[in-house]
Every structure is written in C-alpha cells, then in structure tokens.
C-alpha cells in the first residue's frame, strides 16, 4: 500500500486544488415558449420539456 513520506501542507493542497477552476455559469437557453430556462429546471411559466407541470 502506498503511503506518502511526508504530510502535504495545507498550502500545497489548496494550491493543487485551486487550479481546477472556479464555478461555471449555468447553461441557460430559450425554450419553445421564448422563456429563458436552465438545463433540467422548470421554466418561469411552469413548463418542463414542453409540458405544463406547475399551474399558475
């Protein structure tokens, strides 16, 4: 079993993990009703994948 010879310092660990990038903006697109929608989310008018799922 592999065991590190020395403990990794907090600074080295955070520097390594910090290079992975930050939070990306969610993908937003216009649906068939002309309303902006995030992927896998219900739109503001209550429709999801072209079907009305929440009544106003």
PDB file of N, CA and C in Angstrom:
ATOM      1  N   UNK A   1       0.836  -1.178   0.000  1.00  0.00           N
ATOM      2  CA  UNK A   1       0.000   0.000   0.000  1.00  0.00           C
ATOM      3  C   UNK A   1       0.883   1.245   0.000  1.00  0.00           C
ATOM      4  N   UNK A   2       0.578   2.194  -0.868  1.00  0.00           N
ATOM      5  CA  UNK A   2       1.391   3.399  -0.976  1.00  0.00           C
ATOM      6  C   UNK A   2       1.058   4.373   0.152  1.00  0.00           C
ATOM      7  N   UNK A   3       2.108   4.872   0.793  1.00  0.00           N
ATOM      8  CA  UNK A   3       1.949   5.828   1.884  1.00  0.00           C
ATOM      9  C   UNK A   3       2.884   6.996   1.608  1.00  0.00           C
ATOM     10  N   UNK A   4       2.381   8.244   1.682  1.00  0.00           N
ATOM     11  CA  UNK A   4       3.270   9.387   1.450  1.00  0.00           C
ATOM     12  C   UNK A   4       4.335   9.497   2.542  1.00  0.00           C
ATOM     13  N   UNK A   5       5.528   9.913   2.151  1.00  0.00           N
ATOM     14  CA  UNK A   5       6.627  10.024   3.098  1.00  0.00           C
ATOM     15  C   UNK A   5       6.427  11.184   4.067  1.00  0.00           C
ATOM     16  N   UNK A   6       5.775  12.261   3.577  1.00  0.00           N
ATOM     17  CA  UNK A   6       5.551  13.435   4.408  1.00  0.00           C
ATOM     18  C   UNK A   6       4.109  13.919   4.244  1.00  0.00           C
ATOM     19  N   UNK A   7       3.633  14.611   5.259  1.00  0.00           N
ATOM     20  CA  UNK A   7       2.290  15.183   5.207  1.00  0.00           C
ATOM     21  C   UNK A   7       2.277  16.349   4.218  1.00  0.00           C
ATOM     22  N   UNK A   8       1.239  16.404   3.385  1.00  0.00           N
ATOM     23  CA  UNK A   8       1.094  17.519   2.447  1.00  0.00           C
ATOM     24  C   UNK A   8       0.573  18.732   3.209  1.00  0.00           C
ATOM     25  N   UNK A   9       1.261  19.858   3.063  1.00  0.00           N
ATOM     26  CA  UNK A   9       0.843  21.053   3.791  1.00  0.00           C
ATOM     27  C   UNK A   9      -0.470  21.589   3.237  1.00  0.00           C
ATOM     28  N   UNK A  10      -1.163  22.394   4.038  1.00  0.00           N
ATOM     29  CA  UNK A  10      -2.433  22.985   3.613  1.00  0.00           C
ATOM     30  C   UNK A  10      -2.239  23.870   2.383  1.00  0.00           C
ATOM     31  N   UNK A  11      -1.135  24.603   2.352  1.00  0.00           N
ATOM     32  CA  UNK A  11      -0.881  25.497   1.231  1.00  0.00           C
ATOM     33  C   UNK A  11      -0.694  24.707  -0.065  1.00  0.00           C
ATOM     34  N   UNK A  12       0.102  23.645  -0.028  1.00  0.00           N
ATOM     35  CA  UNK A  12       0.330  22.835  -1.228  1.00  0.00           C
ATOM     36  C   UNK A  12      -0.967  22.171  -1.695  1.00  0.00           C
ATOM     37  N   UNK A  13      -1.748  21.675  -0.757  1.00  0.00           N
ATOM     38  CA  UNK A  13      -3.005  21.018  -1.090  1.00  0.00           C
ATOM     39  C   UNK A  13      -3.976  22.014  -1.721  1.00  0.00           C
ATOM     40  N   UNK A  14      -4.085  23.204  -1.161  1.00  0.00           N
ATOM     41  CA  UNK A  14      -5.005  24.213  -1.684  1.00  0.00           C
ATOM     42  C   UNK A  14      -4.539  24.761  -3.023  1.00  0.00           C
ATOM     43  N   UNK A  15      -3.218  24.882  -3.208  1.00  0.00           N
ATOM     44  CA  UNK A  15      -2.708  25.334  -4.499  1.00  0.00           C
ATOM     45  C   UNK A  15      -3.016  24.319  -5.593  1.00  0.00           C
ATOM     46  N   UNK A  16      -2.882  23.038  -5.290  1.00  0.00           N
ATOM     47  CA  UNK A  16      -3.170  21.992  -6.250  1.00  0.00           C
ATOM     48  C   UNK A  16      -4.658  21.972  -6.607  1.00  0.00           C
ATOM     49  N   UNK A  17      -5.524  22.067  -5.614  1.00  0.00           N
ATOM     50  CA  UNK A  17      -6.960  22.031  -5.853  1.00  0.00           C
ATOM     51  C   UNK A  17      -7.490  23.318  -6.455  1.00  0.00           C
ATOM     52  N   UNK A  18      -6.778  24.414  -6.262  1.00  0.00           N
ATOM     53  CA  UNK A  18      -7.227  25.696  -6.790  1.00  0.00           C
ATOM     54  C   UNK A  18      -7.089  25.802  -8.290  1.00  0.00           C
ATOM     55  N   UNK A  19      -6.253  24.959  -8.901  1.00  0.00           N
ATOM     56  CA  UNK A  19      -6.048  25.014 -10.335  1.00  0.00           C
ATOM     57  C   UNK A  19      -7.145  24.344 -11.136  1.00  0.00           C
ATOM     58  N   UNK A  20      -8.116  23.747 -10.470  1.00  0.00           N
ATOM     59  CA  UNK A  20      -9.185  23.040 -11.176  1.00  0.00           C
ATOM     60  C   UNK A  20     -10.211  23.983 -11.800  1.00  0.00           C
ATOM     61  N   UNK A  21     -10.182  25.226 -11.423  1.00  0.00           N
ATOM     62  CA  UNK A  21     -11.120  26.180 -11.992  1.00  0.00           C
ATOM     63  C   UNK A  21     -12.215  26.535 -11.013  1.00  0.00           C
ATOM     64  N   UNK A  22     -12.889  27.624 -11.313  1.00  0.00           N
ATOM     65  CA  UNK A  22     -13.930  28.100 -10.421  1.00  0.00           C
ATOM     66  C   UNK A  22     -15.297  27.600 -10.810  1.00  0.00           C
ATOM     67  N   UNK A  23     -16.299  28.228 -10.266  1.00  0.00           N
ATOM     68  CA  UNK A  23     -17.678  27.862 -10.550  1.00  0.00           C
ATOM     69  C   UNK A  23     -18.052  28.383 -11.922  1.00  0.00           C
ATOM     70  N   UNK A  24     -18.610  27.528 -12.736  1.00  0.00           N
ATOM     71  CA  UNK A  24     -19.006  27.926 -14.078  1.00  0.00           C
ATOM     72  C   UNK A  24     -20.456  28.380 -14.063  1.00  0.00           C
ATOM     73  N   UNK A  25     -20.802  29.258 -14.972  1.00  0.00           N
ATOM     74  CA  UNK A  25     -22.171  29.745 -15.048  1.00  0.00           C
ATOM     75  C   UNK A  25     -23.071  28.645 -15.594  1.00  0.00           C
ATOM     76  N   UNK A  26     -24.313  28.563 -15.134  1.00  0.00           N
ATOM     77  CA  UNK A  26     -25.207  27.518 -15.626  1.00  0.00           C
ATOM     78  C   UNK A  26     -25.605  27.758 -17.074  1.00  0.00           C
ATOM     79  N   UNK A  27     -25.876  26.689 -17.788  1.00  0.00           N
ATOM     80  CA  UNK A  27     -26.290  26.783 -19.184  1.00  0.00           C
ATOM     81  C   UNK A  27     -27.737  27.271 -19.234  1.00  0.00           C
ATOM     82  N   UNK A  28     -27.970  28.398 -19.888  1.00  0.00           N
ATOM     83  CA  UNK A  28     -29.301  28.988 -19.999  1.00  0.00           C
ATOM     84  C   UNK A  28     -29.649  29.089 -21.477  1.00  0.00           C
ATOM     85  N   UNK A  29     -30.862  28.707 -21.842  1.00  0.00           N
ATOM     86  CA  UNK A  29     -31.282  28.775 -23.231  1.00  0.00           C
ATOM     87  C   UNK A  29     -32.755  29.174 -23.302  1.00  0.00           C
ATOM     88  N   UNK A  30     -33.215  29.518 -24.476  1.00  0.00           N
ATOM     89  CA  UNK A  30     -34.624  29.836 -24.710  1.00  0.00           C
ATOM     90  C   UNK A  30     -35.374  28.555 -25.035  1.00  0.00           C
ATOM     91  N   UNK A  31     -36.520  28.334 -24.367  1.00  0.00           N
ATOM     92  CA  UNK A  31     -37.320  27.162 -24.710  1.00  0.00           C
ATOM     93  C   UNK A  31     -38.297  27.511 -25.828  1.00  0.00           C
ATOM     94  N   UNK A  32     -39.186  26.580 -26.169  1.00  0.00           N
ATOM     95  CA  UNK A  32     -40.095  26.803 -27.303  1.00  0.00           C
ATOM     96  C   UNK A  32     -41.105  27.911 -27.049  1.00  0.00           C
ATOM     97  N   UNK A  33     -41.324  28.291 -25.762  1.00  0.00           N
ATOM     98  CA  UNK A  33     -42.246  29.383 -25.439  1.00  0.00           C
ATOM     99  C   UNK A  33     -41.547  30.737 -25.408  1.00  0.00           C
ATOM    100  N   UNK A  34     -40.246  30.771 -25.626  1.00  0.00           N
ATOM    101  CA  UNK A  34     -39.494  32.028 -25.612  1.00  0.00           C
ATOM    102  C   UNK A  34     -39.110  32.479 -24.220  1.00  0.00           C
ATOM    103  N   UNK A  35     -39.038  31.547 -23.262  1.00  0.00           N
ATOM    104  CA  UNK A  35     -38.694  31.855 -21.880  1.00  0.00           C
ATOM    105  C   UNK A  35     -37.303  31.291 -21.604  1.00  0.00           C
ATOM    106  N   UNK A  36     -36.471  32.060 -20.900  1.00  0.00           N
ATOM    107  CA  UNK A  36     -35.137  31.572 -20.545  1.00  0.00           C
ATOM    108  C   UNK A  36     -35.251  30.491 -19.468  1.00  0.00           C
ATOM    109  N   UNK A  37     -34.524  29.376 -19.675  1.00  0.00           N
ATOM    110  CA  UNK A  37     -34.612  28.211 -18.799  1.00  0.00           C
ATOM    111  C   UNK A  37     -33.218  27.638 -18.590  1.00  0.00           C
ATOM    112  N   UNK A  38     -32.927  27.222 -17.340  1.00  0.00           N
ATOM    113  CA  UNK A  38     -31.703  26.480 -17.075  1.00  0.00           C
ATOM    114  C   UNK A  38     -31.935  25.019 -17.408  1.00  0.00           C
ATOM    115  N   UNK A  39     -30.877  24.298 -17.748  1.00  0.00           N
ATOM    116  CA  UNK A  39     -30.995  22.881 -18.058  1.00  0.00           C
ATOM    117  C   UNK A  39     -31.523  22.118 -16.835  1.00  0.00           C
ATOM    118  N   UNK A  40     -32.457  21.203 -17.057  1.00  0.00           N
ATOM    119  CA  UNK A  40     -33.035  20.338 -16.024  1.00  0.00           C
ATOM    120  C   UNK A  40     -33.782  21.127 -14.959  1.00  0.00           C
ATOM    121  N   UNK A  41     -34.354  22.284 -15.294  1.00  0.00           N
ATOM    122  CA  UNK A  41     -35.131  23.091 -14.363  1.00  0.00           C
ATOM    123  C   UNK A  41     -36.466  23.465 -14.996  1.00  0.00           C
ATOM    124  N   UNK A  42     -37.456  23.712 -14.154  1.00  0.00           N
ATOM    125  CA  UNK A  42     -38.760  24.167 -14.621  1.00  0.00           C
ATOM    126  C   UNK A  42     -38.640  25.644 -14.979  1.00  0.00           C
ATOM    127  N   UNK A  43     -39.265  26.057 -16.095  1.00  0.00           N
ATOM    128  CA  UNK A  43     -39.184  27.446 -16.525  1.00  0.00           C
ATOM    129  C   UNK A  43     -40.102  28.320 -15.667  1.00  0.00           C
ATOM    130  N   UNK A  44     -40.009  29.621 -15.848  1.00  0.00           N
ATOM    131  CA  UNK A  44     -40.775  30.568 -15.045  1.00  0.00           C
ATOM    132  C   UNK A  44     -42.275  30.440 -15.264  1.00  0.00           C
ATOM    133  N   UNK A  45     -42.691  29.998 -16.450  1.00  0.00           N
ATOM    134  CA  UNK A  45     -44.129  29.845 -16.703  1.00  0.00           C
ATOM    135  C   UNK A  45     -44.653  28.476 -16.266  1.00  0.00           C
ATOM    136  N   UNK A  46     -43.828  27.633 -15.657  1.00  0.00           N
ATOM    137  CA  UNK A  46     -44.267  26.356 -15.100  1.00  0.00           C
ATOM    138  C   UNK A  46     -44.207  25.188 -16.050  1.00  0.00           C
ATOM    139  N   UNK A  47     -43.520  25.329 -17.179  1.00  0.00           N
ATOM    140  CA  UNK A  47     -43.435  24.218 -18.131  1.00  0.00           C
ATOM    141  C   UNK A  47     -42.059  23.565 -18.047  1.00  0.00           C
ATOM    142  N   UNK A  48     -42.057  22.260 -18.380  1.00  0.00           N
ATOM    143  CA  UNK A  48     -40.822  21.484 -18.402  1.00  0.00           C
ATOM    144  C   UNK A  48     -40.904  20.531 -19.571  1.00  0.00           C
ATOM    145  N   UNK A  49     -39.940  20.617 -20.480  1.00  0.00           N
ATOM    146  CA  UNK A  49     -39.889  19.798 -21.693  1.00  0.00           C
ATOM    147  C   UNK A  49     -41.183  19.903 -22.504  1.00  0.00           C
ATOM    148  N   UNK A  50     -41.733  21.111 -22.583  1.00  0.00           N
ATOM    149  CA  UNK A  50     -42.922  21.338 -23.391  1.00  0.00           C
ATOM    150  C   UNK A  50     -44.236  20.985 -22.726  1.00  0.00           C
ATOM    151  N   UNK A  51     -44.197  20.477 -21.493  1.00  0.00           N
ATOM    152  CA  UNK A  51     -45.421  20.120 -20.797  1.00  0.00           C
ATOM    153  C   UNK A  51     -45.619  21.036 -19.599  1.00  0.00           C
ATOM    154  N   UNK A  52     -46.859  21.379 -19.297  1.00  0.00           N
ATOM    155  CA  UNK A  52     -47.175  22.219 -18.147  1.00  0.00           C
ATOM    156  C   UNK A  52     -47.168  21.348 -16.895  1.00  0.00           C
ATOM    157  N   UNK A  53     -46.222  21.599 -15.980  1.00  0.00           N
ATOM    158  CA  UNK A  53     -46.090  20.777 -14.791  1.00  0.00           C
ATOM    159  C   UNK A  53     -46.543  21.499 -13.524  1.00  0.00           C
ATOM    160  N   UNK A  54     -46.558  22.840 -13.548  1.00  0.00           N
ATOM    161  CA  UNK A  54     -46.998  23.631 -12.399  1.00  0.00           C
ATOM    162  C   UNK A  54     -48.037  24.611 -12.895  1.00  0.00           C
ATOM    163  N   UNK A  55     -49.205  24.614 -12.241  1.00  0.00           N
ATOM    164  CA  UNK A  55     -50.243  25.568 -12.633  1.00  0.00           C
ATOM    165  C   UNK A  55     -49.952  26.925 -12.004  1.00  0.00           C
ATOM    166  N   UNK A  56     -50.327  27.984 -12.714  1.00  0.00           N
ATOM    167  CA  UNK A  56     -50.071  29.331 -12.203  1.00  0.00           C
ATOM    168  C   UNK A  56     -51.053  29.708 -11.128  1.00  0.00           C
TER     169      UNK A  56
END
